[in-house]
Protein backbone atom coordinates (compact mmCIF):
# COMPACT_ATOMS: atom_id res chain seq x y z
CA MET A 1 -1.28 9.12 -40.39
CA THR A 2 -4.79 7.70 -40.57
CA SER A 3 -7.77 10.18 -39.85
CA LEU A 4 -10.91 9.40 -38.24
CA SER A 5 -14.15 10.41 -39.88
CA ARG A 6 -16.04 13.34 -38.25
CA PRO A 7 -18.79 11.07 -36.57
CA ARG A 8 -16.25 8.60 -35.31
CA ALA A 9 -14.15 11.37 -33.73
CA LEU A 10 -17.19 13.10 -32.16
CA SER A 11 -18.31 9.57 -30.87
CA ILE A 12 -14.78 9.50 -29.34
CA GLY A 13 -15.17 12.66 -27.73
CA LEU A 14 -18.53 12.04 -26.34
CA SER A 15 -17.40 8.72 -24.65
CA ARG A 16 -14.41 10.71 -23.21
CA ALA A 17 -16.88 13.26 -21.88
CA ARG A 18 -19.24 10.53 -20.35
CA ALA A 19 -16.19 8.73 -18.91
CA ARG A 20 -14.96 11.85 -17.24
CA ALA A 21 -18.28 12.63 -15.89
CA ARG A 22 -18.42 8.97 -14.24
CA GLN A 23 -14.85 9.57 -12.76
CA HIS A 24 -15.89 12.95 -11.23
CA ALA A 25 -18.89 11.39 -9.69
CA CYS A 26 -17.02 8.32 -8.49
CA PHE A 27 -14.02 10.10 -6.77
CA ALA A 28 -16.47 12.70 -5.38
CA ALA A 29 -18.37 9.88 -3.83
CA ALA A 30 -15.41 8.02 -2.49
CA SER A 31 -13.69 11.17 -1.25
CA SER A 32 -16.74 13.20 0.20
CA ALA A 33 -15.60 12.55 3.76
CA PRO A 34 -12.34 12.08 5.55
CA SER A 35 -11.32 8.55 6.29
CA LEU A 36 -8.86 8.77 9.60
CA GLY A 37 -10.35 5.67 11.38
CA PRO A 38 -9.71 2.08 9.99
CA LEU A 39 -8.76 2.22 6.57
CA PRO A 40 -10.71 0.47 3.87
CA LEU A 41 -8.26 -2.21 2.73
CA ALA A 42 -8.73 -5.36 5.16
CA SER A 43 -6.84 -5.72 7.81
CA SER A 44 -5.55 -9.20 6.87
CA ALA A 45 -4.25 -7.59 3.66
CA ARG A 46 -3.07 -4.74 5.46
CA ALA A 47 -0.82 -6.74 7.82
CA ARG A 48 0.30 -8.72 5.04
CA ASN A 49 1.47 -5.95 2.84
CA ALA A 50 3.25 -4.46 5.82
CA LEU A 51 5.21 -7.56 6.48
CA GLU A 52 5.76 -8.21 2.69
CA SER A 53 7.35 -4.86 2.17
CA VAL A 54 10.03 -5.04 4.55
CA THR A 55 12.86 -7.84 5.15
CA GLU A 56 14.21 -6.52 8.42
CA GLY A 57 13.05 -6.52 11.96
CA VAL A 58 13.49 -7.58 15.59
CA LEU A 59 12.92 -11.12 16.90
CA CYS A 60 12.04 -11.35 20.67
CA ALA A 61 11.78 -14.74 22.81
CA LEU A 62 8.72 -14.11 25.15
CA ASP A 63 9.72 -16.44 27.74
CA ALA A 64 13.58 -15.65 27.70
CA GLY A 65 13.25 -12.02 27.28
CA ASN A 66 15.87 -11.92 24.63
CA ALA A 67 15.98 -9.82 21.57
CA ALA A 68 17.90 -9.62 18.19
CA SER A 69 17.64 -8.14 14.84
CA CYS A 70 16.89 -10.47 11.99
CA GLN A 71 15.88 -10.76 8.48
CA PHE A 72 12.60 -12.50 7.43
CA VAL A 73 10.23 -13.14 4.60
CA CYS A 74 6.66 -14.27 4.52
CA ASP A 75 6.04 -17.89 3.63
CA GLY A 76 2.22 -18.42 3.32
CA ALA A 77 1.06 -18.97 6.77
CA SER A 78 4.47 -18.81 8.47
CA MET A 79 7.43 -16.53 8.42
CA LEU A 80 10.99 -17.75 7.49
CA VAL A 81 13.53 -15.81 9.96
CA ASP A 82 17.37 -15.48 9.50
CA VAL A 83 19.42 -14.69 12.89
CA GLU A 84 23.10 -14.77 13.23
CA PRO A 85 23.80 -17.80 15.57
CA SER A 86 25.71 -15.50 17.86
CA ARG A 87 22.59 -13.48 18.53
CA ALA A 88 20.05 -16.28 18.56
CA VAL A 89 17.09 -15.24 20.91
CA ALA A 90 16.61 -19.14 22.05
CA SER A 91 19.37 -21.85 22.22
CA ALA A 92 18.44 -25.06 20.34
CA ASP A 93 17.27 -27.11 23.43
CA MET A 94 14.63 -24.19 24.05
CA LEU A 95 13.01 -24.65 20.74
CA PRO A 96 10.05 -24.61 19.86
CA ALA A 97 9.58 -21.12 21.56
CA LYS A 98 6.88 -18.47 21.59
CA VAL A 99 8.35 -15.50 20.03
CA CYS A 100 7.23 -12.12 18.68
CA LEU A 101 8.51 -10.41 15.40
CA HIS A 102 8.13 -6.65 15.17
CA ALA A 103 8.56 -4.68 11.94
CA ASN A 104 8.12 -1.18 10.87
CA ALA A 105 6.90 -0.61 7.30
CA ARG A 106 5.41 2.44 5.40
CA GLY A 107 3.82 4.14 8.22
CA LYS A 108 2.57 0.92 9.96
CA GLU A 109 3.99 -1.13 12.84
CA ALA A 110 3.34 -4.90 12.65
CA CYS A 111 4.01 -7.77 15.35
CA VAL A 112 3.82 -11.21 14.59
CA VAL A 113 3.24 -13.66 17.51
CA GLY A 114 3.92 -17.37 16.85
CA ILE A 115 5.70 -20.49 17.53
CA ALA A 116 9.34 -20.69 16.38
CA THR A 117 11.15 -24.01 15.27
CA ARG A 118 14.62 -24.31 13.86
CA VAL A 119 14.75 -25.53 10.15
CA GLU A 120 17.13 -28.40 10.24
CA ASP A 121 16.62 -30.14 6.98
CA GLU A 122 19.39 -28.91 4.70
CA ALA A 123 17.24 -29.08 1.62
CA GLU A 124 14.56 -27.12 3.37
CA VAL A 125 17.30 -24.45 4.61
CA GLU A 126 18.43 -23.98 0.89
CA GLU A 127 14.88 -23.39 -0.37
CA ALA A 128 14.32 -20.94 2.41
CA ARG A 129 17.54 -19.05 1.37
CA LYS A 130 16.29 -19.29 -2.21
CA LEU A 131 13.03 -17.50 -1.39
CA MET A 132 14.79 -14.85 0.46
CA LYS A 133 17.14 -13.89 -2.24
CA LYS A 134 14.22 -13.69 -4.32
CA ARG A 135 12.85 -11.27 -2.00
CA ARG A 136 15.99 -9.47 -1.97
CA VAL A 137 17.64 -10.75 1.28
CA ASP A 138 20.89 -11.48 0.05
CA LYS A 139 22.98 -12.53 3.37
CA ALA A 140 20.60 -14.99 4.71
CA ASN A 141 23.40 -17.41 5.98
CA GLY A 142 22.64 -17.48 9.80
CA THR A 143 20.25 -19.86 11.94
CA MET A 144 17.01 -20.48 9.86
CA LEU A 145 13.78 -20.35 11.83
CA ARG A 146 10.16 -20.80 10.98
CA ILE A 147 7.43 -19.04 12.84
CA VAL A 148 4.13 -20.66 12.60
CA VAL A 149 1.68 -17.38 12.82
CA ASP A 150 -0.67 -17.51 15.73
CA ARG A 151 -1.96 -13.77 15.36
CA VAL A 152 -0.70 -10.41 13.77
CA THR A 153 -1.35 -6.99 15.01
CA VAL A 154 -0.94 -4.03 12.94
CA SER A 155 -1.27 -0.13 13.59
CA ALA A 156 -0.97 3.22 12.04
CA ALA A 157 -0.79 6.80 13.47
CA GLY A 158 -4.45 8.03 14.15
CA SER A 159 -5.82 4.52 13.86
CA PRO A 160 -6.61 1.81 16.37
CA GLN A 161 -4.68 -1.22 16.38
CA GLU A 162 -6.10 -4.26 14.46
CA GLU A 163 -5.38 -7.91 15.06
CA VAL A 164 -5.59 -10.64 12.51
CA ASP A 165 -5.79 -14.25 13.12
CA ALA A 166 -3.66 -16.96 11.29
CA ALA A 167 -6.35 -17.91 9.17
CA ALA A 168 -7.07 -14.56 7.76
CA PHE A 169 -3.36 -13.90 7.37
CA ALA A 170 -2.59 -17.18 5.38
CA GLU A 171 -5.79 -16.27 3.17
CA ALA A 172 -4.56 -12.73 2.28
CA GLU A 173 -2.93 -12.26 -1.14
CA ARG A 174 0.08 -10.43 -1.95
CA ASP A 175 -0.86 -7.10 -3.20
CA PRO A 176 -0.02 -6.28 -7.10
CA LEU A 177 1.67 -3.16 -6.04
CA LEU A 178 4.03 -4.51 -3.71
CA ASP A 179 7.11 -4.53 -5.97
CA CYS A 180 6.54 -0.99 -7.45
CA ALA A 181 4.99 0.70 -4.41
CA GLU A 182 8.16 2.44 -3.67
CA ASP A 183 8.78 3.82 -7.05
CA ILE A 184 5.18 5.15 -6.91
CA ILE A 185 5.93 6.76 -3.43
CA ARG A 186 9.01 8.38 -4.56
CA THR A 187 7.41 9.86 -7.75
CA PHE A 188 4.61 11.64 -5.88
CA ASN A 189 6.60 12.79 -2.76
CA GLU A 190 9.51 14.17 -4.93
CA GLN A 191 7.88 15.25 -8.25
CA ARG A 192 4.17 15.75 -7.47
CA PRO A 193 3.70 16.96 -3.62
CA ASP A 194 1.15 19.46 -4.69
CA ASP A 195 -1.01 16.56 -6.01
CA VAL A 196 -0.65 14.83 -2.78
CA ALA A 197 -1.90 17.80 -0.92
CA ALA A 198 -4.91 17.97 -3.21
CA PHE A 199 -5.72 14.42 -2.68
CA CYS A 200 -5.78 14.99 0.91
CA ARG A 201 -8.23 18.09 0.28
CA ALA A 202 -10.41 15.84 -1.52
CA ALA A 203 -10.58 13.41 1.38
CA GLY A 204 -11.72 16.14 3.49
CA VAL A 205 -8.38 17.22 5.19
CA ASN A 206 -7.25 20.84 4.71
CA VAL A 207 -3.59 20.72 3.55
CA THR A 208 -2.41 23.92 2.16
CA SER A 209 1.32 22.65 1.07
CA GLY A 210 2.95 19.64 -0.25
CA ASP A 211 5.31 19.84 2.71
CA ASP A 212 2.79 18.83 5.05
CA ALA A 213 1.66 15.58 3.37
CA GLU A 214 3.77 12.64 2.42
CA VAL A 215 2.75 9.32 0.76
CA VAL A 216 3.82 6.29 2.94
CA ASP A 217 2.02 3.66 1.26
CA VAL A 218 0.13 2.56 -1.93
CA ASP A 219 -1.99 -0.53 -2.44
CA ARG A 220 -4.23 -1.84 -5.11
CA LEU A 221 -7.30 0.19 -3.23
CA GLY A 222 -5.73 3.43 -2.46
CA LEU A 223 -2.96 5.65 -0.93
CA ASP A 224 -1.89 6.07 2.49
CA VAL A 225 -0.95 9.90 3.23
CA ALA A 226 0.95 10.93 6.42
CA VAL A 227 -0.38 14.50 7.22
CA ARG A 228 1.41 16.73 9.62
CA THR A 229 -0.79 18.74 11.82
CA LEU A 230 -0.15 20.91 14.81
CA SER A 231 -1.92 19.74 17.84
CA PRO A 232 -3.30 22.57 20.25
CA TYR A 233 -0.51 22.03 22.46
CA GLY A 234 2.06 23.05 19.72
CA ILE A 235 3.15 19.29 19.18
CA VAL A 236 3.56 18.27 15.61
CA GLU A 237 1.64 15.04 15.00
CA ASN A 238 1.11 12.57 12.00
CA THR A 239 -2.10 11.33 11.02
CA ILE A 240 -2.49 8.72 8.40
CA VAL A 241 -5.32 9.83 5.78
CA ARG A 242 -6.69 7.11 3.43
CA VAL A 243 -7.28 8.33 -0.14
CA PRO A 244 -9.28 5.67 -1.87
CA PHE A 245 -9.30 4.58 -5.55
CA GLU A 246 -12.57 4.52 -7.28
CA ARG A 247 -11.79 0.85 -8.08
CA ALA A 248 -9.14 -1.49 -7.55
CA VAL A 249 -6.04 -1.46 -9.86
CA ASN A 250 -4.13 -4.28 -10.73
CA SER A 251 -0.57 -2.97 -12.01
CA GLU A 252 1.85 -0.21 -11.67
CA ARG A 253 0.46 1.41 -15.14
CA ASP A 254 -2.97 1.00 -14.04
CA ALA A 255 -2.25 2.76 -10.64
CA ARG A 256 -0.42 5.66 -12.28
CA SER A 257 -3.28 6.15 -14.76
CA MET A 258 -5.78 6.23 -11.91
CA LEU A 259 -3.55 8.67 -9.84
CA THR A 260 -3.19 11.15 -12.79
CA MET A 261 -6.95 10.91 -13.40
CA MET A 262 -7.67 11.71 -9.60
CA ALA A 263 -5.25 14.63 -9.74
CA GLN A 264 -6.87 16.06 -12.85
CA VAL A 265 -10.42 15.58 -11.26
CA VAL A 266 -9.37 17.48 -8.06
CA TRP A 267 -7.79 20.29 -10.12
CA GLU A 268 -10.75 20.79 -11.93
CA ASN A 269 -13.20 20.57 -8.88
CA GLU A 270 -11.16 23.08 -7.02
CA ARG A 271 -11.23 25.53 -9.73
CA GLN A 272 -15.04 24.72 -10.80
CA TYR A 273 -13.90 23.90 -14.25
CA VAL A 274 -16.83 23.24 -16.52
CA PRO A 275 -15.89 21.30 -19.70
CA PRO A 276 -17.30 22.94 -22.89
CA GLN A 277 -20.60 21.45 -24.04
CA ILE A 278 -20.22 19.48 -27.12
CA ALA A 279 -23.19 19.73 -29.45
CA PRO A 280 -24.31 17.13 -31.58
CA VAL A 281 -23.47 17.45 -35.21
CA THR A 282 -25.22 15.76 -38.27
CA VAL A 283 -23.05 15.14 -41.11
CA PRO A 284 -24.85 14.34 -44.38
CA ASP A 285 -24.23 10.84 -45.99
CA ASP A 286 -22.33 12.22 -49.04
CA GLU A 287 -19.80 14.19 -47.08
CA GLU A 288 -19.31 11.25 -44.62
CA SER A 289 -18.49 9.15 -47.89
CA SER A 290 -16.22 11.59 -49.29
C-alpha cells in the first residue's frame, strides 16, 4: 500500500476541511428559508420531466367529449400516443382534432393541449413503436396518433398551476436523472427516511418523523418532498417542499454523492458539531526526505 508523506496527507486533510466548509455555507444559504411556492426548476423542464417519467394517461377529444386511456411518449415538440382502436376518442374522419392528454407523475399533474392527427405511414408507425419500446412501452399496437403540442400545464400540491408554451416545451432538455430517479426515490424513502425529514427541516419545514415526509421526485437541481401536515380543521394535507442542491448534478452517482453530503451537513448543523481544528505542522527537510 502506498503511503503519503506527512505534508501531502496534511494538505489533503486541509483541502477536505475547506471543501466541507464551502459545502456547509452553500447548503445553508440555499436552504435558509422554505420553498413552498414555485419550485426553482424551470416550468418547461418540470413539464417535460413529468411527461417523460410516465407512459400512461387519459386522452380526451375536446370537441367530442370522448375520453380513453392511452400510452404515450414525448417526441421533441410533439407526443406520440397509442390508443386501442375500439376506444379511439375521435374517428378517422374527425381528425385532425383538438385533444387534451392528462397524466399524473411523481406528485405532479400534467396536461397537454394540442392537435392530434393519425400517423398513417407504415414506416413512421414502425419508428414510433420502436421509440415507445425504447421508453419501456411494450404493447404499442393500437392506433398511433401524433399530438402537436400547443401548451402544457403542470401543477403540484401547494404550488400554483404553471403554463408552458410549445416553444419552451420543445427546448426543454431531458433531465439526466430521469432514468434513475425511481431508484434514488426508493432508496431514500425506504432506507433513509430520517435523512428526508432532516432535508425538510433544513429547508425550514418542521418535520419530526420520516413517516411524515416522502420523496416524490428528484431532478438535476434538487428533490421534491411531499410533507404531510394537519390543517387547523383536522384534515391531512400534502405540501410539496423543494430541497435544492447546491449545484446541478449530472448523473446518478453525482446525485447520490450530493445527497449524502447534504445529509452529513444537516446532521452536523443540527448537533452543532464543530470539526477539530487542524494545526499547521512543519516537517524538517531531512524527515521529509526519509
